[in-house]
Protein backbone atom coordinates (compact mmCIF):
# COMPACT_ATOMS: atom_id res chain seq x y z
CA PHE A 1 23.69 -20.69 131.43
CA ARG A 2 24.58 -20.40 127.89
CA THR A 3 25.63 -16.86 126.65
CA PRO A 4 25.39 -16.48 122.81
CA SER A 5 26.90 -13.65 120.85
CA TYR A 6 25.10 -10.60 120.00
CA ARG A 7 25.99 -10.62 116.80
CA THR A 8 24.44 -13.41 114.54
CA GLY A 9 25.41 -14.83 111.12
CA LEU A 10 23.37 -12.29 109.47
CA PHE A 11 25.83 -9.25 111.23
CA LEU A 12 27.86 -7.50 108.41
CA ASP A 13 31.07 -6.17 109.51
CA PRO A 14 32.36 -2.52 107.93
CA LYS A 15 34.18 -4.48 105.22
CA GLY A 16 30.85 -6.62 104.47
CA ARG A 17 32.08 -9.79 105.59
CA GLY A 18 29.27 -12.12 107.49
CA GLY A 19 29.04 -15.64 108.66
CA THR A 20 26.35 -16.33 106.60
CA THR A 21 25.82 -13.02 104.31
CA GLY A 22 28.05 -10.78 102.71
CA TYR A 23 31.83 -10.90 101.00
CA ASP A 24 34.26 -13.76 102.03
CA MET A 25 37.19 -11.52 102.33
CA ALA A 26 37.78 -7.78 102.22
CA VAL A 27 38.29 -6.51 99.10
CA ALA A 28 41.69 -4.63 100.38
CA LEU A 29 43.04 -7.91 101.22
CA PRO A 30 43.76 -10.00 98.07
CA GLY A 31 47.78 -8.45 97.92
CA MET A 32 48.44 -10.29 101.56
CA GLU A 33 46.82 -13.56 99.97
CA ALA A 34 48.96 -13.52 96.81
CA ASP A 35 51.13 -16.03 97.73
CA GLY A 36 48.50 -18.42 98.98
CA GLY A 37 50.25 -18.80 102.14
CA GLU A 38 52.29 -16.21 104.32
CA GLY A 39 48.97 -13.54 104.74
CA GLN A 40 46.37 -16.52 105.01
CA ASP A 41 46.97 -17.35 109.05
CA GLU A 42 47.12 -13.68 109.87
CA LEU A 43 43.61 -12.88 107.90
CA PHE A 44 41.99 -16.52 108.74
CA ALA A 45 39.89 -15.34 112.20
CA GLU A 46 39.11 -11.49 110.34
CA THR A 47 37.57 -13.39 107.25
CA ASN A 48 36.26 -17.04 108.66
CA LYS A 49 33.51 -15.60 111.30
CA VAL A 50 31.80 -17.73 113.56
CA PHE A 51 28.56 -17.64 115.70
CA GLN A 52 29.99 -18.52 119.46
CA VAL A 53 27.90 -19.41 122.35
CA THR A 54 29.81 -19.39 125.68
CA ASP A 55 28.91 -20.56 129.12
CA GLY A 56 28.48 -18.26 131.92
CA SER A 57 27.15 -18.36 135.90
CA ILE A 58 24.93 -16.04 137.69
CA GLU A 59 23.80 -15.99 141.48
CA MET A 60 20.73 -14.19 142.60
CA ALA A 61 19.40 -13.43 146.15
CA VAL A 62 15.91 -12.19 147.10
CA ASP A 63 16.19 -9.44 149.30
CA LYS A 64 12.38 -8.59 149.88
CA ALA A 65 9.06 -10.44 149.28
CA ASP A 66 5.39 -9.15 149.54
CA PRO A 67 3.34 -12.37 149.88
CA GLU A 68 0.50 -10.41 148.60
CA SER A 69 1.34 -8.67 145.51
CA GLY A 70 3.71 -11.77 144.50
CA GLU A 71 6.68 -9.31 144.41
CA PHE A 72 10.48 -9.62 144.90
CA SER A 73 13.41 -7.93 144.56
CA GLY A 74 17.18 -8.76 145.08
CA VAL A 75 20.45 -8.86 143.36
CA PHE A 76 22.57 -10.71 140.69
CA VAL A 77 26.04 -11.17 139.88
CA SER A 78 26.95 -12.68 136.61
CA GLU A 79 30.12 -13.47 135.04
CA GLN A 80 30.23 -14.72 131.39
CA LEU A 81 32.81 -14.07 128.26
CA SER A 82 32.45 -10.95 125.87
CA ASP A 83 32.00 -10.90 122.48
CA THR A 84 34.92 -12.27 120.21
CA ASP A 85 33.80 -10.31 117.29
CA MET A 86 32.41 -13.27 114.96
CA GLY A 87 35.86 -15.44 116.38
CA SER A 88 38.03 -12.97 115.50
CA LYS A 89 39.15 -11.61 119.14
CA GLN A 90 39.73 -13.06 122.43
CA PRO A 91 37.06 -12.84 124.66
CA LYS A 92 37.25 -10.65 127.87
CA LYS A 93 35.76 -12.29 131.11
CA VAL A 94 32.86 -9.48 132.12
CA LEU A 95 31.50 -9.44 135.40
CA LEU A 96 28.00 -7.61 135.73
CA LYS A 97 26.30 -6.51 138.68
CA GLY A 98 22.61 -5.69 139.16
CA ILE A 99 19.73 -5.01 141.14
CA MET A 100 16.42 -7.10 139.97
CA PHE A 101 12.51 -6.83 140.47
CA GLY A 102 9.77 -9.53 139.78
CA ARG A 103 6.59 -10.33 139.80
CA VAL A 104 5.42 -13.96 140.55
CA ALA A 105 1.81 -14.43 139.30
CA GLU A 106 -0.68 -17.82 138.86
CA VAL A 107 -0.51 -20.01 135.62
CA ASP A 108 -4.33 -20.13 134.76
CA GLY A 109 -3.16 -21.64 130.97
CA THR A 110 -4.32 -18.27 128.93
CA GLU A 111 -0.96 -17.23 128.83
CA ASP A 112 0.78 -16.26 125.51
CA TYR A 113 4.08 -16.85 125.60
């Protein structure tokens, strides 16, 4: 499955930088960028924010099911990458484990999604 970053382009970091809004660099950084070269590589990821979508995987197992009510329960294990702070950090691998519960209902055409 696809796992989008929880921060979208409208998110602003503490220095007011964002993907689609905010400043294009922090106010305190011009000194590092004065020569136009040396400081640029170090600050590129911090000032150029990106929205990332990565791949994840999930496994689910149903342990119990009640045919009368349509309810079921089980467990899941999901593996996905962590947030990258909008492209400035390397993602870590995250393993999520949990219990799930749901109800299966008949479709009658009046559902509002």
